[in-house]
Amino acid sequence: MANEIHVDYTSGNMLYAVVRNRAGEVWYSGGQVFESWGTGGRAANDYDISLTDKGGNRYVGNFDGNIPAGRYSVQAFLQAGANPADSDNLVGGDEIVWSGVGEVTSDKLLANKAVQNKSTGEIKYYDDDGQTVLLTHTPTDAEATITRTSS
């Protein structure tokens, strides 16, 4: 996937993002792991996701496809020097619900392709490309419950 991270900030600057899990740990792409900030002597330069200035006060970046499915915070920082630094100022934040292959949004689930298997009842919700499954929902018909299982 591409350009899942969006940040509004004055064009002409250098911005980067970091991804944090619900425990507040930061994604370290070099080790493919969430960890406490500064583990192993690492700093902002080890955690940064570069953002591209698209003009018109919009920056975009790619969410790492190796991050497991879940709900994550994305923080955007204004880079003051030649490289990202722990002293850079926070300029924005957002949240991403990640399926493991793409961002899950209500408009994607409602507007994009969904296919139900009539034998099992399983419903697969697809990303914009019509091929990537973002969510699998399998309703069960019990006396008083409906169960949804995310993929």
N, C-alpha and C. Protein backbone atom coordinates (compact mmCIF):
# COMPACT_ATOMS: atom_id res chain seq x y z
N MET A 1 0.85 -1.17 0.00
CA MET A 1 0.00 0.00 0.00
C MET A 1 0.90 1.23 0.00
N ALA A 2 0.27 2.38 -0.16
CA ALA A 2 1.06 3.61 -0.21
C ALA A 2 0.25 4.81 0.26
N ASN A 3 0.96 5.75 0.82
CA ASN A 3 0.39 7.04 1.23
C ASN A 3 -0.76 6.92 2.23
N GLU A 4 -0.65 6.03 3.19
CA GLU A 4 -1.66 5.91 4.23
C GLU A 4 -1.53 7.01 5.28
N ILE A 5 -0.33 7.56 5.42
CA ILE A 5 -0.08 8.61 6.40
C ILE A 5 -0.28 9.96 5.71
N HIS A 6 -1.12 10.80 6.31
CA HIS A 6 -1.40 12.14 5.79
C HIS A 6 -1.21 13.14 6.92
N VAL A 7 -0.47 14.22 6.63
CA VAL A 7 -0.24 15.27 7.61
C VAL A 7 -0.42 16.61 6.92
N ASP A 8 -1.18 17.50 7.54
CA ASP A 8 -1.33 18.85 7.05
C ASP A 8 -0.37 19.76 7.80
N TYR A 9 0.53 20.41 7.04
CA TYR A 9 1.49 21.33 7.62
C TYR A 9 2.04 22.19 6.49
N THR A 10 2.51 23.37 6.81
CA THR A 10 3.01 24.32 5.82
C THR A 10 4.04 23.67 4.90
N SER A 11 3.79 23.74 3.60
CA SER A 11 4.71 23.17 2.62
C SER A 11 6.07 23.85 2.69
N GLY A 12 7.08 23.12 2.24
CA GLY A 12 8.44 23.64 2.22
C GLY A 12 9.27 23.24 3.42
N ASN A 13 8.76 22.36 4.25
CA ASN A 13 9.47 21.90 5.43
C ASN A 13 9.87 20.43 5.27
N MET A 14 10.62 19.92 6.24
CA MET A 14 10.96 18.51 6.28
C MET A 14 10.19 17.89 7.44
N LEU A 15 9.31 16.95 7.14
CA LEU A 15 8.53 16.28 8.17
C LEU A 15 8.80 14.78 8.11
N TYR A 16 8.64 14.13 9.24
CA TYR A 16 8.70 12.67 9.30
C TYR A 16 7.69 12.21 10.33
N ALA A 17 7.39 10.92 10.30
CA ALA A 17 6.40 10.35 11.21
C ALA A 17 7.01 9.18 11.96
N VAL A 18 6.40 8.86 13.10
CA VAL A 18 6.70 7.62 13.82
C VAL A 18 5.37 6.96 14.15
N VAL A 19 5.38 5.64 14.28
CA VAL A 19 4.18 4.87 14.58
C VAL A 19 4.33 4.28 15.97
N ARG A 20 3.27 4.41 16.77
CA ARG A 20 3.27 3.87 18.13
C ARG A 20 2.09 2.93 18.32
N ASN A 21 2.31 1.89 19.12
CA ASN A 21 1.22 0.97 19.44
C ASN A 21 0.46 1.50 20.66
N ARG A 22 -0.56 0.76 21.09
CA ARG A 22 -1.40 1.22 22.20
C ARG A 22 -0.64 1.28 23.52
N ALA A 23 0.47 0.58 23.63
CA ALA A 23 1.29 0.61 24.84
C ALA A 23 2.27 1.80 24.82
N GLY A 24 2.28 2.56 23.71
CA GLY A 24 3.18 3.71 23.59
C GLY A 24 4.53 3.38 23.02
N GLU A 25 4.75 2.12 22.69
CA GLU A 25 6.03 1.73 22.09
C GLU A 25 6.09 2.21 20.64
N VAL A 26 7.29 2.41 20.16
CA VAL A 26 7.51 2.93 18.82
C VAL A 26 7.98 1.81 17.88
N TRP A 27 7.56 1.89 16.60
CA TRP A 27 7.94 0.89 15.61
C TRP A 27 9.38 1.12 15.17
N TYR A 28 10.19 0.07 15.29
CA TYR A 28 11.56 0.07 14.81
C TYR A 28 11.61 -0.85 13.60
N SER A 29 11.63 -0.26 12.41
CA SER A 29 11.55 -1.07 11.18
C SER A 29 12.78 -1.94 10.99
N GLY A 30 13.94 -1.49 11.48
CA GLY A 30 15.17 -2.28 11.34
C GLY A 30 15.09 -3.63 12.03
N GLY A 31 14.32 -3.70 13.11
CA GLY A 31 14.17 -4.95 13.85
C GLY A 31 12.80 -5.57 13.71
N GLN A 32 11.91 -4.87 12.95
CA GLN A 32 10.53 -5.34 12.76
C GLN A 32 9.84 -5.59 14.09
N VAL A 33 9.95 -4.59 15.01
CA VAL A 33 9.44 -4.77 16.36
C VAL A 33 9.02 -3.43 16.95
N PHE A 34 8.04 -3.48 17.85
CA PHE A 34 7.71 -2.31 18.67
C PHE A 34 8.59 -2.38 19.91
N GLU A 35 9.12 -1.23 20.33
CA GLU A 35 10.01 -1.18 21.48
C GLU A 35 9.88 0.16 22.17
N SER A 36 10.42 0.26 23.37
CA SER A 36 10.48 1.54 24.08
C SER A 36 11.43 2.46 23.34
N TRP A 37 11.07 3.75 23.28
CA TRP A 37 11.94 4.73 22.63
C TRP A 37 13.32 4.69 23.27
N GLY A 38 14.35 4.60 22.46
CA GLY A 38 15.72 4.64 22.96
C GLY A 38 16.33 3.28 23.23
N THR A 39 15.59 2.19 23.02
CA THR A 39 16.14 0.85 23.21
C THR A 39 17.40 0.71 22.36
N GLY A 40 18.43 0.15 22.94
CA GLY A 40 19.68 -0.08 22.20
C GLY A 40 20.36 1.21 21.77
N GLY A 41 20.04 2.34 22.44
CA GLY A 41 20.64 3.62 22.09
C GLY A 41 20.04 4.25 20.84
N ARG A 42 18.90 3.73 20.39
CA ARG A 42 18.28 4.28 19.19
C ARG A 42 17.61 5.62 19.48
N ALA A 43 17.46 6.42 18.41
CA ALA A 43 16.86 7.75 18.52
C ALA A 43 15.90 7.97 17.36
N ALA A 44 15.41 9.19 17.23
CA ALA A 44 14.42 9.52 16.20
C ALA A 44 14.85 9.08 14.80
N ASN A 45 16.12 9.20 14.51
CA ASN A 45 16.64 8.82 13.20
C ASN A 45 16.46 7.33 12.91
N ASP A 46 16.28 6.52 13.93
CA ASP A 46 16.08 5.08 13.76
C ASP A 46 14.60 4.71 13.59
N TYR A 47 13.70 5.62 13.99
CA TYR A 47 12.27 5.33 13.99
C TYR A 47 11.50 6.07 12.91
N ASP A 48 12.13 6.98 12.22
CA ASP A 48 11.42 7.90 11.33
C ASP A 48 10.91 7.24 10.06
N ILE A 49 9.76 7.73 9.62
CA ILE A 49 9.18 7.39 8.32
C ILE A 49 9.13 8.70 7.55
N SER A 50 9.86 8.78 6.47
CA SER A 50 9.94 10.04 5.73
C SER A 50 8.58 10.38 5.12
N LEU A 51 8.28 11.67 5.12
CA LEU A 51 7.05 12.18 4.53
C LEU A 51 7.41 13.06 3.35
N THR A 52 6.62 12.98 2.30
CA THR A 52 6.86 13.74 1.07
C THR A 52 5.92 14.93 1.02
N ASP A 53 6.48 16.10 0.75
CA ASP A 53 5.70 17.32 0.60
C ASP A 53 5.01 17.28 -0.76
N LYS A 54 3.69 17.20 -0.76
CA LYS A 54 2.92 17.14 -2.00
C LYS A 54 2.42 18.51 -2.44
N GLY A 55 2.83 19.55 -1.73
CA GLY A 55 2.37 20.90 -2.04
C GLY A 55 1.00 21.14 -1.43
N GLY A 56 0.63 22.39 -1.31
CA GLY A 56 -0.68 22.71 -0.76
C GLY A 56 -0.83 22.30 0.70
N ASN A 57 0.28 22.30 1.43
CA ASN A 57 0.28 21.99 2.87
C ASN A 57 -0.10 20.55 3.18
N ARG A 58 0.25 19.61 2.30
CA ARG A 58 -0.05 18.19 2.52
C ARG A 58 1.22 17.38 2.38
N TYR A 59 1.45 16.54 3.38
CA TYR A 59 2.57 15.59 3.38
C TYR A 59 2.00 14.18 3.45
N VAL A 60 2.64 13.25 2.75
CA VAL A 60 2.19 11.85 2.77
C VAL A 60 3.37 10.92 2.98
N GLY A 61 3.07 9.75 3.53
CA GLY A 61 4.09 8.74 3.74
C GLY A 61 3.46 7.36 3.76
N ASN A 62 4.30 6.35 3.71
CA ASN A 62 3.83 4.97 3.65
C ASN A 62 3.87 4.30 5.02
N PHE A 63 2.78 3.65 5.37
CA PHE A 63 2.71 2.86 6.58
C PHE A 63 3.45 1.56 6.31
N ASP A 64 4.30 1.13 7.21
CA ASP A 64 5.12 -0.07 7.01
C ASP A 64 4.22 -1.31 6.96
N GLY A 65 4.24 -2.01 5.84
CA GLY A 65 3.43 -3.21 5.64
C GLY A 65 3.81 -4.37 6.55
N ASN A 66 4.93 -4.25 7.27
CA ASN A 66 5.35 -5.31 8.19
C ASN A 66 4.73 -5.15 9.58
N ILE A 67 4.04 -4.04 9.80
CA ILE A 67 3.39 -3.83 11.09
C ILE A 67 2.16 -4.72 11.16
N PRO A 68 1.98 -5.47 12.24
CA PRO A 68 0.82 -6.36 12.34
C PRO A 68 -0.50 -5.58 12.44
N ALA A 69 -1.58 -6.25 12.16
CA ALA A 69 -2.91 -5.63 12.24
C ALA A 69 -3.14 -5.05 13.63
N GLY A 70 -3.80 -3.89 13.67
CA GLY A 70 -4.10 -3.26 14.95
C GLY A 70 -4.42 -1.79 14.78
N ARG A 71 -4.59 -1.11 15.92
CA ARG A 71 -4.87 0.33 15.96
C ARG A 71 -3.61 1.03 16.44
N TYR A 72 -3.16 2.03 15.66
CA TYR A 72 -1.89 2.68 15.93
C TYR A 72 -2.00 4.20 15.90
N SER A 73 -1.14 4.84 16.67
CA SER A 73 -1.00 6.29 16.64
C SER A 73 0.14 6.64 15.71
N VAL A 74 -0.06 7.70 14.93
CA VAL A 74 0.99 8.21 14.06
C VAL A 74 1.30 9.63 14.52
N GLN A 75 2.55 9.90 14.83
CA GLN A 75 2.98 11.23 15.25
C GLN A 75 3.85 11.82 14.14
N ALA A 76 3.62 13.12 13.85
CA ALA A 76 4.40 13.82 12.83
C ALA A 76 5.30 14.85 13.51
N PHE A 77 6.55 14.91 13.07
CA PHE A 77 7.54 15.81 13.64
C PHE A 77 8.14 16.71 12.56
N LEU A 78 8.44 17.94 12.94
CA LEU A 78 9.12 18.89 12.08
C LEU A 78 10.62 18.69 12.27
N GLN A 79 11.29 18.30 11.21
CA GLN A 79 12.73 18.03 11.29
C GLN A 79 13.49 19.35 11.25
N ALA A 80 14.26 19.64 12.31
CA ALA A 80 14.98 20.91 12.42
C ALA A 80 16.35 20.88 11.76
N GLY A 81 17.02 19.73 11.81
CA GLY A 81 18.39 19.63 11.28
C GLY A 81 18.47 18.75 10.06
N ALA A 82 19.67 18.27 9.80
CA ALA A 82 19.91 17.43 8.62
C ALA A 82 19.26 16.05 8.76
N ASN A 83 19.08 15.58 10.01
CA ASN A 83 18.48 14.27 10.26
C ASN A 83 17.44 14.39 11.37
N PRO A 84 16.50 13.45 11.43
CA PRO A 84 15.55 13.45 12.55
C PRO A 84 16.30 13.38 13.88
N ALA A 85 15.77 14.12 14.87
CA ALA A 85 16.41 14.16 16.19
C ALA A 85 15.34 14.12 17.27
N ASP A 86 15.70 13.62 18.43
CA ASP A 86 14.77 13.53 19.56
C ASP A 86 14.23 14.89 19.97
N SER A 87 14.93 15.95 19.65
CA SER A 87 14.51 17.30 20.03
C SER A 87 13.56 17.95 19.02
N ASP A 88 13.25 17.28 17.91
CA ASP A 88 12.33 17.84 16.91
C ASP A 88 10.94 18.03 17.50
N ASN A 89 10.23 19.05 17.01
CA ASN A 89 8.91 19.38 17.54
C ASN A 89 7.80 18.56 16.90
N LEU A 90 6.89 18.09 17.76
CA LEU A 90 5.69 17.39 17.32
C LEU A 90 4.76 18.40 16.66
N VAL A 91 4.28 18.10 15.45
CA VAL A 91 3.40 19.04 14.73
C VAL A 91 2.04 18.44 14.39
N GLY A 92 1.84 17.17 14.66
CA GLY A 92 0.55 16.57 14.35
C GLY A 92 0.48 15.13 14.78
N GLY A 93 -0.72 14.60 14.76
CA GLY A 93 -0.93 13.21 15.12
C GLY A 93 -2.23 12.70 14.53
N ASP A 94 -2.31 11.41 14.38
CA ASP A 94 -3.50 10.77 13.81
C ASP A 94 -3.53 9.33 14.30
N GLU A 95 -4.57 8.64 13.91
CA GLU A 95 -4.72 7.23 14.26
C GLU A 95 -5.00 6.44 12.99
N ILE A 96 -4.42 5.27 12.91
CA ILE A 96 -4.66 4.37 11.77
C ILE A 96 -5.08 3.02 12.30
N VAL A 97 -6.17 2.49 11.74
CA VAL A 97 -6.56 1.11 11.99
C VAL A 97 -6.00 0.32 10.81
N TRP A 98 -5.10 -0.60 11.11
CA TRP A 98 -4.32 -1.30 10.08
C TRP A 98 -4.74 -2.77 10.05
N SER A 99 -5.02 -3.28 8.87
CA SER A 99 -5.45 -4.67 8.72
C SER A 99 -4.27 -5.62 8.57
N GLY A 100 -3.08 -5.07 8.41
CA GLY A 100 -1.90 -5.88 8.12
C GLY A 100 -1.52 -5.76 6.66
N VAL A 101 -2.47 -5.31 5.83
CA VAL A 101 -2.20 -5.09 4.41
C VAL A 101 -2.69 -3.73 3.93
N GLY A 102 -3.48 -3.05 4.73
CA GLY A 102 -4.00 -1.75 4.33
C GLY A 102 -4.76 -1.10 5.48
N GLU A 103 -5.05 0.19 5.31
CA GLU A 103 -5.80 0.92 6.31
C GLU A 103 -7.28 0.56 6.22
N VAL A 104 -7.91 0.33 7.36
CA VAL A 104 -9.34 0.02 7.41
C VAL A 104 -10.07 1.31 7.75
N THR A 105 -10.97 1.72 6.87
CA THR A 105 -11.81 2.89 7.12
C THR A 105 -13.25 2.51 6.82
N SER A 106 -14.17 3.23 7.44
CA SER A 106 -15.58 2.91 7.22
C SER A 106 -15.99 3.13 5.78
N ASP A 107 -15.43 4.16 5.12
CA ASP A 107 -15.81 4.38 3.73
C ASP A 107 -15.31 3.27 2.82
N LYS A 108 -14.16 2.68 3.13
CA LYS A 108 -13.68 1.55 2.33
C LYS A 108 -14.59 0.34 2.52
N LEU A 109 -15.03 0.12 3.75
CA LEU A 109 -15.89 -1.04 4.00
C LEU A 109 -17.26 -0.86 3.37
N LEU A 110 -17.75 0.37 3.33
CA LEU A 110 -19.09 0.62 2.78
C LEU A 110 -19.08 0.80 1.27
N ALA A 111 -18.04 1.43 0.73
CA ALA A 111 -18.05 1.78 -0.69
C ALA A 111 -17.32 0.79 -1.59
N ASN A 112 -16.37 0.06 -1.06
CA ASN A 112 -15.59 -0.84 -1.89
C ASN A 112 -16.24 -2.21 -1.98
N LYS A 113 -15.61 -3.07 -2.71
CA LYS A 113 -16.09 -4.43 -2.96
C LYS A 113 -16.21 -5.25 -1.68
N ALA A 114 -17.31 -5.94 -1.54
CA ALA A 114 -17.53 -6.91 -0.46
C ALA A 114 -18.15 -8.15 -1.08
N VAL A 115 -17.64 -9.32 -0.70
CA VAL A 115 -18.13 -10.57 -1.27
C VAL A 115 -18.49 -11.51 -0.14
N GLN A 116 -19.70 -12.08 -0.20
CA GLN A 116 -20.12 -13.03 0.81
C GLN A 116 -20.16 -14.43 0.24
N ASN A 117 -19.57 -15.38 0.97
CA ASN A 117 -19.63 -16.79 0.63
C ASN A 117 -20.95 -17.31 1.21
N LYS A 118 -21.87 -17.71 0.37
CA LYS A 118 -23.19 -18.14 0.81
C LYS A 118 -23.15 -19.43 1.62
N SER A 119 -22.14 -20.26 1.41
CA SER A 119 -22.04 -21.51 2.16
C SER A 119 -21.63 -21.29 3.60
N THR A 120 -20.63 -20.41 3.80
CA THR A 120 -20.09 -20.20 5.14
C THR A 120 -20.61 -18.93 5.80
N GLY A 121 -21.15 -18.01 5.00
CA GLY A 121 -21.60 -16.72 5.51
C GLY A 121 -20.48 -15.70 5.60
N GLU A 122 -19.24 -16.12 5.35
CA GLU A 122 -18.08 -15.23 5.45
C GLU A 122 -18.19 -14.07 4.46
N ILE A 123 -17.91 -12.85 4.95
CA ILE A 123 -17.92 -11.67 4.10
C ILE A 123 -16.50 -11.11 4.07
N LYS A 124 -15.96 -10.93 2.86
CA LYS A 124 -14.63 -10.33 2.70
C LYS A 124 -14.81 -8.91 2.15
N TYR A 125 -14.19 -7.95 2.86
CA TYR A 125 -14.22 -6.55 2.46
C TYR A 125 -12.87 -6.21 1.84
N TYR A 126 -12.89 -5.61 0.65
CA TYR A 126 -11.68 -5.38 -0.13
C TYR A 126 -11.25 -3.91 -0.13
N ASP A 127 -9.95 -3.70 -0.34
CA ASP A 127 -9.38 -2.37 -0.46
C ASP A 127 -9.74 -1.79 -1.84
N ASP A 128 -9.25 -0.58 -2.11
CA ASP A 128 -9.55 0.12 -3.36
C ASP A 128 -9.16 -0.69 -4.60
N ASP A 129 -8.15 -1.54 -4.47
CA ASP A 129 -7.68 -2.30 -5.62
C ASP A 129 -8.61 -3.46 -5.99
N GLY A 130 -9.58 -3.78 -5.13
CA GLY A 130 -10.51 -4.87 -5.40
C GLY A 130 -9.91 -6.25 -5.21
N GLN A 131 -8.65 -6.34 -4.78
CA GLN A 131 -7.96 -7.61 -4.63
C GLN A 131 -7.51 -7.87 -3.19
N THR A 132 -7.12 -6.82 -2.48
CA THR A 132 -6.57 -6.94 -1.13
C THR A 132 -7.69 -6.98 -0.11
N VAL A 133 -7.76 -8.06 0.66
CA VAL A 133 -8.79 -8.21 1.69
C VAL A 133 -8.37 -7.43 2.93
N LEU A 134 -9.21 -6.47 3.34
CA LEU A 134 -8.94 -5.66 4.53
C LEU A 134 -9.54 -6.27 5.78
N LEU A 135 -10.69 -6.91 5.62
CA LEU A 135 -11.40 -7.43 6.78
C LEU A 135 -12.23 -8.63 6.35
N THR A 136 -12.22 -9.65 7.16
CA THR A 136 -13.09 -10.81 6.93
C THR A 136 -14.06 -10.88 8.11
N HIS A 137 -15.31 -10.90 7.80
CA HIS A 137 -16.37 -10.89 8.81
C HIS A 137 -17.19 -12.16 8.61
N THR A 138 -17.28 -12.97 9.67
CA THR A 138 -18.05 -14.21 9.57
C THR A 138 -19.16 -14.19 10.62
N PRO A 139 -20.33 -13.74 10.23
CA PRO A 139 -21.44 -13.77 11.19
C PRO A 139 -21.86 -15.20 11.47
N THR A 140 -22.23 -15.46 12.70
CA THR A 140 -22.79 -16.76 13.05
C THR A 140 -24.20 -16.54 13.55
N ASP A 141 -25.05 -17.45 13.25
CA ASP A 141 -26.46 -17.31 13.60
C ASP A 141 -26.76 -18.22 14.79
N ALA A 142 -26.58 -17.66 15.97
CA ALA A 142 -26.94 -18.38 17.19
C ALA A 142 -28.24 -17.76 17.72
N GLU A 143 -28.72 -18.30 18.78
CA GLU A 143 -30.02 -17.86 19.30
C GLU A 143 -30.08 -16.36 19.54
N ALA A 144 -29.05 -15.78 20.20
CA ALA A 144 -29.11 -14.36 20.52
C ALA A 144 -27.80 -13.63 20.28
N THR A 145 -26.91 -14.19 19.46
CA THR A 145 -25.62 -13.53 19.27
C THR A 145 -25.23 -13.49 17.80
N ILE A 146 -24.43 -12.48 17.49
CA ILE A 146 -23.76 -12.40 16.20
C ILE A 146 -22.30 -12.15 16.53
N THR A 147 -21.41 -12.94 15.97
CA THR A 147 -19.99 -12.82 16.25
C THR A 147 -19.28 -12.32 15.01
N ARG A 148 -18.38 -11.35 15.19
CA ARG A 148 -17.58 -10.84 14.08
C ARG A 148 -16.13 -11.15 14.40
N THR A 149 -15.43 -11.78 13.45
CA THR A 149 -14.02 -12.11 13.61
C THR A 149 -13.22 -11.37 12.55
N SER A 150 -12.30 -10.49 12.98
CA SER A 150 -11.47 -9.76 12.04
C SER A 150 -10.33 -10.63 11.55
N SER A 151 -9.93 -10.42 10.30
CA SER A 151 -8.79 -11.17 9.77
C SER A 151 -7.53 -10.42 9.98
